[in-house]
């Protein structure tokens, strides 16, 4: 009986070892999948790190350009604190329309004369367009031969 019990116990141990082996194999395959996933994540992390570095570099370059532009603008536009202590600012006065017309150089007079000619031509063009809208259509007879073909046939009998 003891042998039968030992045989049954051995069979149970063998079945347990087989189950453990299968579970270990399954765990190892899952571990391999996890390792490949971790490798893919690390690759993506390296890529994203490079992208972030590139963005940081671009931001730094833009910051330097902005700083240079700011300095140039400051140099071009004097600040009110740059004025001399004894100087006073005078308000800007807009000239009236009469003053502007008196101050017009001959170039503006030439421009005005050209504008007047243009308006006259546009008015004439409008009148012609108005008249053209009410003209009857031109009737043209349909010919079976090109223009002048029939005339040549009548004058030159040797062609035929």
C-alpha atoms as a PDB file:
ATOM      1  CA  UNK A   1       0.000   0.000   0.000  1.00  0.00           C
ATOM      2  CA  UNK A   2       2.828   2.203   0.783  1.00  0.00           C
ATOM      3  CA  UNK A   3       4.059   1.760  -2.762  1.00  0.00           C
ATOM      4  CA  UNK A   4       0.679   2.739  -4.155  1.00  0.00           C
ATOM      5  CA  UNK A   5       0.607   5.812  -1.956  1.00  0.00           C
ATOM      6  CA  UNK A   6       4.153   6.689  -3.015  1.00  0.00           C
ATOM      7  CA  UNK A   7       3.165   6.229  -6.687  1.00  0.00           C
ATOM      8  CA  UNK A   8       0.104   8.427  -6.263  1.00  0.00           C
ATOM      9  CA  UNK A   9       2.195  10.997  -4.449  1.00  0.00           C
ATOM     10  CA  UNK A  10       4.795  10.888  -7.236  1.00  0.00           C
ATOM     11  CA  UNK A  11       2.065  11.308  -9.846  1.00  0.00           C
ATOM     12  CA  UNK A  12       0.681  14.319  -7.950  1.00  0.00           C
ATOM     13  CA  UNK A  13       4.162  15.817  -7.638  1.00  0.00           C
ATOM     14  CA  UNK A  14       4.775  15.219 -11.340  1.00  0.00           C
ATOM     15  CA  UNK A  15       1.479  16.917 -12.220  1.00  0.00           C
ATOM     16  CA  UNK A  16       2.319  19.825  -9.915  1.00  0.00           C
ATOM     17  CA  UNK A  17       5.797  20.166 -11.448  1.00  0.00           C
ATOM     18  CA  UNK A  18       4.275  20.117 -14.953  1.00  0.00           C
ATOM     19  CA  UNK A  19       1.742  22.795 -13.937  1.00  0.00           C
ATOM     20  CA  UNK A  20       4.530  24.882 -12.404  1.00  0.00           C
ATOM     21  CA  UNK A  21       6.626  24.461 -15.562  1.00  0.00           C
ATOM     22  CA  UNK A  22       3.724  25.618 -17.755  1.00  0.00           C
ATOM     23  CA  UNK A  23       3.052  28.577 -15.439  1.00  0.00           C
ATOM     24  CA  UNK A  24       6.754  29.473 -15.492  1.00  0.00           C
ATOM     25  CA  UNK A  25       6.782  29.310 -19.299  1.00  0.00           C
ATOM     26  CA  UNK A  26       3.696  31.533 -19.443  1.00  0.00           C
ATOM     27  CA  UNK A  27       5.243  34.024 -16.991  1.00  0.00           C
ATOM     28  CA  UNK A  28       8.484  34.070 -19.035  1.00  0.00           C
ATOM     29  CA  UNK A  29       6.573  34.794 -22.261  1.00  0.00           C
ATOM     30  CA  UNK A  30       4.683  37.625 -20.508  1.00  0.00           C
ATOM     31  CA  UNK A  31       7.993  38.912 -19.145  1.00  0.00           C
ATOM     32  CA  UNK A  32       9.466  38.905 -22.687  1.00  0.00           C
ATOM     33  CA  UNK A  33       6.441  40.904 -23.918  1.00  0.00           C
ATOM     34  CA  UNK A  34       6.920  43.378 -21.062  1.00  0.00           C
ATOM     35  CA  UNK A  35      10.623  43.704 -21.924  1.00  0.00           C
ATOM     36  CA  UNK A  36       9.802  44.491 -25.575  1.00  0.00           C
ATOM     37  CA  UNK A  37       7.215  47.052 -24.425  1.00  0.00           C
ATOM     38  CA  UNK A  38       9.780  48.638 -22.096  1.00  0.00           C
ATOM     39  CA  UNK A  39      12.291  48.768 -24.978  1.00  0.00           C
ATOM     40  CA  UNK A  40       9.701  50.486 -27.205  1.00  0.00           C
ATOM     41  CA  UNK A  41       8.901  52.970 -24.431  1.00  0.00           C
ATOM     42  CA  UNK A  42      12.600  53.738 -23.963  1.00  0.00           C
ATOM     43  CA  UNK A  43      12.974  54.317 -27.717  1.00  0.00           C
ATOM     44  CA  UNK A  44      10.021  56.706 -27.672  1.00  0.00           C
ATOM     45  CA  UNK A  45      11.437  58.429 -24.614  1.00  0.00           C
ATOM     46  CA  UNK A  46      14.766  58.985 -26.397  1.00  0.00           C
ATOM     47  CA  UNK A  47      12.912  60.373 -29.426  1.00  0.00           C
ATOM     48  CA  UNK A  48      10.795  62.679 -27.277  1.00  0.00           C
ATOM     49  CA  UNK A  49      13.899  63.852 -25.420  1.00  0.00           C
ATOM     50  CA  UNK A  50      15.479  64.829 -28.747  1.00  0.00           C
ATOM     51  CA  UNK A  51      12.299  66.644 -29.798  1.00  0.00           C
ATOM     52  CA  UNK A  52      12.203  68.550 -26.514  1.00  0.00           C
ATOM     53  CA  UNK A  53      15.872  69.513 -26.889  1.00  0.00           C
ATOM     54  CA  UNK A  54      15.158  70.781 -30.395  1.00  0.00           C
ATOM     55  CA  UNK A  55      12.209  72.798 -29.133  1.00  0.00           C
ATOM     56  CA  UNK A  56      14.290  74.251 -26.311  1.00  0.00           C
ATOM     57  CA  UNK A  57      16.962  75.240 -28.805  1.00  0.00           C
ATOM     58  CA  UNK A  58      14.352  76.877 -31.055  1.00  0.00           C
ATOM     59  CA  UNK A  59      12.880  78.780 -28.099  1.00  0.00           C
ATOM     60  CA  UNK A  60      16.331  80.006 -27.101  1.00  0.00           C
ATOM     61  CA  UNK A  61      17.040  81.148 -30.672  1.00  0.00           C
ATOM     62  CA  UNK A  62      13.706  82.956 -30.833  1.00  0.00           C
ATOM     63  CA  UNK A  63      14.394  84.551 -27.470  1.00  0.00           C
ATOM     64  CA  UNK A  64      17.740  85.851 -28.716  1.00  0.00           C
ATOM     65  CA  UNK A  65      16.123  87.188 -31.902  1.00  0.00           C
ATOM     66  CA  UNK A  66      13.392  88.877 -29.875  1.00  0.00           C
ATOM     67  CA  UNK A  67      15.984  90.443 -27.613  1.00  0.00           C
ATOM     68  CA  UNK A  68      17.918  91.774 -30.629  1.00  0.00           C
ATOM     69  CA  UNK A  69      14.724  93.161 -32.171  1.00  0.00           C
ATOM     70  CA  UNK A  70      13.841  94.805 -28.886  1.00  0.00           C
ATOM     71  CA  UNK A  71      17.248  96.450 -28.692  1.00  0.00           C
ATOM     72  CA  UNK A  72      16.983  97.680 -32.290  1.00  0.00           C
ATOM     73  CA  UNK A  73      13.517  99.123 -31.660  1.00  0.00           C
ATOM     74  CA  UNK A  74      14.734 100.821 -28.498  1.00  0.00           C
ATOM     75  CA  UNK A  75      17.588 102.341 -30.489  1.00  0.00           C
ATOM     76  CA  UNK A  76      15.232 103.520 -33.252  1.00  0.00           C
ATOM     77  CA  UNK A  77      12.544 104.992 -31.008  1.00  0.00           C
ATOM     78  CA  UNK A  78      13.906 107.276 -28.324  1.00  0.00           C
ATOM     79  CA  UNK A  79      12.198 107.022 -24.987  1.00  0.00           C
ATOM     80  CA  UNK A  80      10.846 110.173 -23.287  1.00  0.00           C
ATOM     81  CA  UNK A  81      13.563 109.848 -20.619  1.00  0.00           C
ATOM     82  CA  UNK A  82      16.211 110.371 -23.344  1.00  0.00           C
ATOM     83  CA  UNK A  83      15.134 114.025 -23.830  1.00  0.00           C
ATOM     84  CA  UNK A  84      17.185 116.825 -22.446  1.00  0.00           C
ATOM     85  CA  UNK A  85      15.977 118.156 -19.097  1.00  0.00           C
ATOM     86  CA  UNK A  86      15.457 121.720 -20.408  1.00  0.00           C
ATOM     87  CA  UNK A  87      13.662 120.747 -23.620  1.00  0.00           C
ATOM     88  CA  UNK A  88       9.905 120.719 -23.884  1.00  0.00           C
ATOM     89  CA  UNK A  89       7.803 118.592 -26.169  1.00  0.00           C
ATOM     90  CA  UNK A  90       5.577 120.482 -28.571  1.00  0.00           C
ATOM     91  CA  UNK A  91       2.198 119.022 -29.433  1.00  0.00           C
ATOM     92  CA  UNK A  92       1.680 117.920 -33.006  1.00  0.00           C
ATOM     93  CA  UNK A  93      -0.829 120.166 -34.766  1.00  0.00           C
ATOM     94  CA  UNK A  94      -2.727 118.822 -37.760  1.00  0.00           C
ATOM     95  CA  UNK A  95      -2.986 121.421 -40.539  1.00  0.00           C
ATOM     96  CA  UNK A  96      -6.460 122.314 -41.758  1.00  0.00           C
ATOM     97  CA  UNK A  97      -7.703 121.366 -45.233  1.00  0.00           C
ATOM     98  CA  UNK A  98      -7.158 124.924 -46.543  1.00  0.00           C
ATOM     99  CA  UNK A  99      -3.581 124.925 -45.324  1.00  0.00           C
ATOM    100  CA  UNK A 100      -2.974 121.550 -46.938  1.00  0.00           C
ATOM    101  CA  UNK A 101      -4.299 122.791 -50.296  1.00  0.00           C
ATOM    102  CA  UNK A 102      -2.099 125.884 -50.110  1.00  0.00           C
ATOM    103  CA  UNK A 103       0.918 123.727 -49.354  1.00  0.00           C
ATOM    104  CA  UNK A 104       0.241 121.283 -52.251  1.00  0.00           C
ATOM    105  CA  UNK A 105       3.247 121.032 -54.538  1.00  0.00           C
ATOM    106  CA  UNK A 106       2.798 120.947 -58.348  1.00  0.00           C
ATOM    107  CA  UNK A 107       2.973 117.149 -58.249  1.00  0.00           C
ATOM    108  CA  UNK A 108      -0.372 117.050 -56.429  1.00  0.00           C
ATOM    109  CA  UNK A 109      -1.855 119.439 -58.999  1.00  0.00           C
ATOM    110  CA  UNK A 110      -0.744 117.084 -61.766  1.00  0.00           C
ATOM    111  CA  UNK A 111      -2.296 114.183 -59.862  1.00  0.00           C
ATOM    112  CA  UNK A 112      -5.555 116.103 -59.534  1.00  0.00           C
ATOM    113  CA  UNK A 113      -5.643 116.861 -63.254  1.00  0.00           C
ATOM    114  CA  UNK A 114      -5.030 113.188 -64.042  1.00  0.00           C
ATOM    115  CA  UNK A 115      -7.845 112.215 -61.669  1.00  0.00           C
ATOM    116  CA  UNK A 116     -10.167 114.663 -63.443  1.00  0.00           C
ATOM    117  CA  UNK A 117      -9.262 113.162 -66.850  1.00  0.00           C
ATOM    118  CA  UNK A 118      -9.855 109.667 -65.500  1.00  0.00           C
ATOM    119  CA  UNK A 119     -13.292 110.576 -64.189  1.00  0.00           C
ATOM    120  CA  UNK A 120     -14.185 112.157 -67.561  1.00  0.00           C
ATOM    121  CA  UNK A 121     -13.071 109.011 -69.412  1.00  0.00           C
ATOM    122  CA  UNK A 122     -15.000 106.802 -67.005  1.00  0.00           C
ATOM    123  CA  UNK A 123     -18.118 108.880 -67.572  1.00  0.00           C
ATOM    124  CA  UNK A 124     -17.700 108.574 -71.354  1.00  0.00           C
ATOM    125  CA  UNK A 125     -17.158 104.836 -71.045  1.00  0.00           C
ATOM    126  CA  UNK A 126     -20.329 104.566 -68.971  1.00  0.00           C
ATOM    127  CA  UNK A 127     -22.309 106.460 -71.615  1.00  0.00           C
ATOM    128  CA  UNK A 128     -21.007 104.230 -74.415  1.00  0.00           C
ATOM    129  CA  UNK A 129     -21.803 101.124 -72.376  1.00  0.00           C
ATOM    130  CA  UNK A 130     -25.320 102.425 -71.762  1.00  0.00           C
ATOM    131  CA  UNK A 131     -25.862 103.029 -75.485  1.00  0.00           C
ATOM    132  CA  UNK A 132     -24.374  99.611 -76.425  1.00  0.00           C
ATOM    133  CA  UNK A 133     -26.858  97.873 -74.142  1.00  0.00           C
ATOM    134  CA  UNK A 134     -29.793  99.163 -76.227  1.00  0.00           C
ATOM    135  CA  UNK A 135     -28.362  98.598 -79.739  1.00  0.00           C
ATOM    136  CA  UNK A 136     -29.975  95.811 -81.766  1.00  0.00           C
ATOM    137  CA  UNK A 137     -27.817  92.724 -82.415  1.00  0.00           C
ATOM    138  CA  UNK A 138     -25.861  92.576 -85.664  1.00  0.00           C
ATOM    139  CA  UNK A 139     -27.250  89.966 -88.079  1.00  0.00           C
ATOM    140  CA  UNK A 140     -24.633  87.974 -89.972  1.00  0.00           C
ATOM    141  CA  UNK A 141     -25.526  85.501 -92.702  1.00  0.00           C
ATOM    142  CA  UNK A 142     -24.127  81.996 -92.388  1.00  0.00           C
ATOM    143  CA  UNK A 143     -21.701  81.146 -95.170  1.00  0.00           C
ATOM    144  CA  UNK A 144     -20.688  77.671 -96.150  1.00  0.00           C
ATOM    145  CA  UNK A 145     -17.325  78.780 -97.544  1.00  0.00           C
ATOM    146  CA  UNK A 146     -14.555  80.870 -95.989  1.00  0.00           C
ATOM    147  CA  UNK A 147     -14.582  84.612 -96.755  1.00  0.00           C
ATOM    148  CA  UNK A 148     -13.333  85.428-100.270  1.00  0.00           C
ATOM    149  CA  UNK A 149     -13.522  81.841-101.453  1.00  0.00           C
ATOM    150  CA  UNK A 150     -16.571  82.370-103.675  1.00  0.00           C
ATOM    151  CA  UNK A 151     -15.103  85.542-105.177  1.00  0.00           C
ATOM    152  CA  UNK A 152     -11.943  83.735-106.287  1.00  0.00           C
ATOM    153  CA  UNK A 153     -14.012  81.001-107.899  1.00  0.00           C
ATOM    154  CA  UNK A 154     -15.881  83.550-110.026  1.00  0.00           C
ATOM    155  CA  UNK A 155     -12.778  85.568-111.044  1.00  0.00           C
ATOM    156  CA  UNK A 156     -10.354  82.707-111.656  1.00  0.00           C
ATOM    157  CA  UNK A 157     -11.955  79.960-113.702  1.00  0.00           C
ATOM    158  CA  UNK A 158      -8.602  78.240-114.197  1.00  0.00           C
ATOM    159  CA  UNK A 159      -8.465  77.303-110.449  1.00  0.00           C
ATOM    160  CA  UNK A 160     -11.341  74.896-110.798  1.00  0.00           C
END
